[in-house]
Amino acid sequence: MNVHVSYRLHKAPSVEKDVQHQIEKLQKRLQVFRPDLVHLKGMVEEVSPREGTAVSLNLRLQSGQMAVQKTAPNATSAVKAAFEDLLQQLNKHKEILRASHKWQRGRRGN
């Protein structure tokens, strides 16, 4: 999996540790996909002292693309919320791929 995360805030070891932990959780669910075709791009930035931290993630697979944007008062909760949303989208995407054999296909001659 190709991972590129950029930080536009004061780089704290706790935020990097949280991001790495969430990426490891994500990799467990991405084992069925070819690793060279999986791309994760992320940005962690401080929007303003009032709004807090914004996290945007973009996961590109060979079968689709998922994007998430979350804002929270602190960086840790923003990272956690963004990765949770991305995991939900990924699980839904995998369910759709698994059930594709159940779809009705048009028959010729009708």
C-alpha atoms as a PDB file:
ATOM      1  CA  MET A   1       0.000   0.000   0.000  1.00  0.00           C
ATOM      2  CA  ASN A   2       1.310   3.420  -0.940  1.00  0.00           C
ATOM      3  CA  VAL A   3       0.775   5.892   1.903  1.00  0.00           C
ATOM      4  CA  HIS A   4       1.356   9.639   1.810  1.00  0.00           C
ATOM      5  CA  VAL A   5       0.269  11.708   4.803  1.00  0.00           C
ATOM      6  CA  SER A   6       1.156  15.375   5.057  1.00  0.00           C
ATOM      7  CA  TYR A   7       0.878  17.502   8.172  1.00  0.00           C
ATOM      8  CA  ARG A   8       0.072  21.204   8.232  1.00  0.00           C
ATOM      9  CA  LEU A   9       0.242  21.710  11.957  1.00  0.00           C
ATOM     10  CA  HIS A  10       2.784  21.443  14.723  1.00  0.00           C
ATOM     11  CA  LYS A  11       3.989  17.899  14.280  1.00  0.00           C
ATOM     12  CA  ALA A  12       3.289  16.000  17.480  1.00  0.00           C
ATOM     13  CA  PRO A  13       4.457  12.416  18.028  1.00  0.00           C
ATOM     14  CA  SER A  14       1.056  11.471  19.444  1.00  0.00           C
ATOM     15  CA  VAL A  15      -0.732  12.484  16.221  1.00  0.00           C
ATOM     16  CA  GLU A  16       1.749  10.542  14.076  1.00  0.00           C
ATOM     17  CA  LYS A  17       1.346   7.525  16.358  1.00  0.00           C
ATOM     18  CA  ASP A  18      -2.450   7.692  16.040  1.00  0.00           C
ATOM     19  CA  VAL A  19      -2.231   7.928  12.250  1.00  0.00           C
ATOM     20  CA  GLN A  20       0.144   4.940  12.058  1.00  0.00           C
ATOM     21  CA  HIS A  21      -2.122   2.892  14.326  1.00  0.00           C
ATOM     22  CA  GLN A  22      -5.158   3.657  12.158  1.00  0.00           C
ATOM     23  CA  ILE A  23      -3.208   2.811   8.981  1.00  0.00           C
ATOM     24  CA  GLU A  24      -2.305  -0.589  10.463  1.00  0.00           C
ATOM     25  CA  LYS A  25      -5.995  -1.235  11.187  1.00  0.00           C
ATOM     26  CA  LEU A  26      -6.832  -0.237   7.628  1.00  0.00           C
ATOM     27  CA  GLN A  27      -4.155  -2.511   6.143  1.00  0.00           C
ATOM     28  CA  LYS A  28      -5.738  -5.545   7.819  1.00  0.00           C
ATOM     29  CA  ARG A  29      -8.931  -4.906   5.853  1.00  0.00           C
ATOM     30  CA  LEU A  30      -7.081  -4.231   2.590  1.00  0.00           C
ATOM     31  CA  GLN A  31      -5.312  -7.590   2.350  1.00  0.00           C
ATOM     32  CA  VAL A  32      -7.674  -8.817  -0.374  1.00  0.00           C
ATOM     33  CA  PHE A  33      -6.581  -6.027  -2.729  1.00  0.00           C
ATOM     34  CA  ARG A  34      -3.300  -5.918  -4.638  1.00  0.00           C
ATOM     35  CA  PRO A  35      -0.945  -3.815  -2.474  1.00  0.00           C
ATOM     36  CA  ASP A  36       0.666  -2.003  -5.404  1.00  0.00           C
ATOM     37  CA  LEU A  37      -2.751  -0.682  -6.521  1.00  0.00           C
ATOM     38  CA  VAL A  38      -3.825   0.673  -3.128  1.00  0.00           C
ATOM     39  CA  HIS A  39      -3.071   4.360  -2.499  1.00  0.00           C
ATOM     40  CA  LEU A  40      -3.883   6.298   0.656  1.00  0.00           C
ATOM     41  CA  LYS A  41      -3.381  10.050   0.711  1.00  0.00           C
ATOM     42  CA  GLY A  42      -4.059  12.067   3.807  1.00  0.00           C
ATOM     43  CA  MET A  43      -3.763  15.591   5.109  1.00  0.00           C
ATOM     44  CA  VAL A  44      -3.863  16.691   8.747  1.00  0.00           C
ATOM     45  CA  GLU A  45      -4.124  20.451   9.107  1.00  0.00           C
ATOM     46  CA  GLU A  46      -5.065  22.987  11.715  1.00  0.00           C
ATOM     47  CA  VAL A  47      -7.968  25.016  10.334  1.00  0.00           C
ATOM     48  CA  SER A  48      -8.272  27.611  13.086  1.00  0.00           C
ATOM     49  CA  PRO A  49      -8.088  27.667  16.874  1.00  0.00           C
ATOM     50  CA  ARG A  50     -11.874  27.880  16.984  1.00  0.00           C
ATOM     51  CA  GLU A  51     -12.670  25.041  14.550  1.00  0.00           C
ATOM     52  CA  GLY A  52      -9.743  22.804  15.472  1.00  0.00           C
ATOM     53  CA  THR A  53      -8.112  20.244  13.218  1.00  0.00           C
ATOM     54  CA  ALA A  54      -9.280  18.966   9.846  1.00  0.00           C
ATOM     55  CA  VAL A  55      -8.354  15.561   8.429  1.00  0.00           C
ATOM     56  CA  SER A  56      -8.967  14.564   4.829  1.00  0.00           C
ATOM     57  CA  LEU A  57      -8.317  11.060   3.502  1.00  0.00           C
ATOM     58  CA  ASN A  58      -8.484   9.635   0.006  1.00  0.00           C
ATOM     59  CA  LEU A  59      -8.281   5.862  -0.526  1.00  0.00           C
ATOM     60  CA  ARG A  60      -7.877   4.722  -4.123  1.00  0.00           C
ATOM     61  CA  LEU A  61      -8.397   1.054  -5.015  1.00  0.00           C
ATOM     62  CA  GLN A  62      -8.559  -0.708  -8.373  1.00  0.00           C
ATOM     63  CA  SER A  63     -12.317  -1.065  -7.904  1.00  0.00           C
ATOM     64  CA  GLY A  64     -13.211   2.360  -6.546  1.00  0.00           C
ATOM     65  CA  GLN A  65     -12.276   5.455  -4.622  1.00  0.00           C
ATOM     66  CA  MET A  66     -13.329   6.685  -1.177  1.00  0.00           C
ATOM     67  CA  ALA A  67     -12.851  10.114   0.368  1.00  0.00           C
ATOM     68  CA  VAL A  68     -13.416  11.478   3.876  1.00  0.00           C
ATOM     69  CA  GLN A  69     -13.182  14.923   5.459  1.00  0.00           C
ATOM     70  CA  LYS A  70     -13.628  15.395   9.208  1.00  0.00           C
ATOM     71  CA  THR A  71     -13.088  18.312  11.572  1.00  0.00           C
ATOM     72  CA  ALA A  72     -12.760  18.079  15.357  1.00  0.00           C
ATOM     73  CA  PRO A  73     -11.521  20.259  18.229  1.00  0.00           C
ATOM     74  CA  ASN A  74      -8.286  18.272  18.581  1.00  0.00           C
ATOM     75  CA  ALA A  75      -6.134  16.281  16.172  1.00  0.00           C
ATOM     76  CA  THR A  76      -6.559  12.896  17.840  1.00  0.00           C
ATOM     77  CA  SER A  77     -10.343  12.865  17.638  1.00  0.00           C
ATOM     78  CA  ALA A  78     -10.287  14.176  14.050  1.00  0.00           C
ATOM     79  CA  VAL A  79      -7.937  11.387  12.949  1.00  0.00           C
ATOM     80  CA  LYS A  80     -10.021   8.748  14.697  1.00  0.00           C
ATOM     81  CA  ALA A  81     -13.308  10.015  13.231  1.00  0.00           C
ATOM     82  CA  ALA A  82     -11.891  10.213   9.699  1.00  0.00           C
ATOM     83  CA  PHE A  83     -10.477   6.692   9.772  1.00  0.00           C
ATOM     84  CA  GLU A  84     -13.706   5.316  11.284  1.00  0.00           C
ATOM     85  CA  ASP A  85     -15.705   6.813   8.439  1.00  0.00           C
ATOM     86  CA  LEU A  86     -13.220   5.466   5.885  1.00  0.00           C
ATOM     87  CA  LEU A  87     -13.435   1.973   7.401  1.00  0.00           C
ATOM     88  CA  GLN A  88     -17.231   2.061   7.182  1.00  0.00           C
ATOM     89  CA  GLN A  89     -17.052   3.059   3.517  1.00  0.00           C
ATOM     90  CA  LEU A  90     -14.491   0.322   2.836  1.00  0.00           C
ATOM     91  CA  ASN A  91     -16.625  -2.341   4.529  1.00  0.00           C
ATOM     92  CA  LYS A  92     -19.661  -1.275   2.493  1.00  0.00           C
ATOM     93  CA  HIS A  93     -17.573  -1.340  -0.710  1.00  0.00           C
ATOM     94  CA  LYS A  94     -16.308  -4.854   0.046  1.00  0.00           C
ATOM     95  CA  GLU A  95     -19.869  -6.064   0.715  1.00  0.00           C
ATOM     96  CA  ILE A  96     -20.954  -4.746  -2.664  1.00  0.00           C
ATOM     97  CA  LEU A  97     -18.026  -6.515  -4.348  1.00  0.00           C
ATOM     98  CA  ARG A  98     -18.828  -9.793  -2.594  1.00  0.00           C
ATOM     99  CA  ALA A  99     -22.498  -9.724  -3.574  1.00  0.00           C
ATOM    100  CA  SER A 100     -21.858  -8.907  -7.228  1.00  0.00           C
ATOM    101  CA  HIS A 101     -22.535 -12.532  -8.247  1.00  0.00           C
ATOM    102  CA  LYS A 102     -26.110 -12.195  -6.968  1.00  0.00           C
ATOM    103  CA  TRP A 103     -26.997  -9.370  -9.320  1.00  0.00           C
ATOM    104  CA  GLN A 104     -29.472 -10.162 -12.057  1.00  0.00           C
ATOM    105  CA  ARG A 105     -28.002  -9.966 -15.506  1.00  0.00           C
ATOM    106  CA  GLY A 106     -29.940  -9.380 -18.655  1.00  0.00           C
ATOM    107  CA  ARG A 107     -30.549 -12.408 -20.832  1.00  0.00           C
ATOM    108  CA  ARG A 108     -30.130 -12.414 -24.550  1.00  0.00           C
ATOM    109  CA  GLY A 109     -33.110 -13.065 -26.724  1.00  0.00           C
ATOM    110  CA  ASN A 110     -35.696 -11.398 -24.485  1.00  0.00           C
END
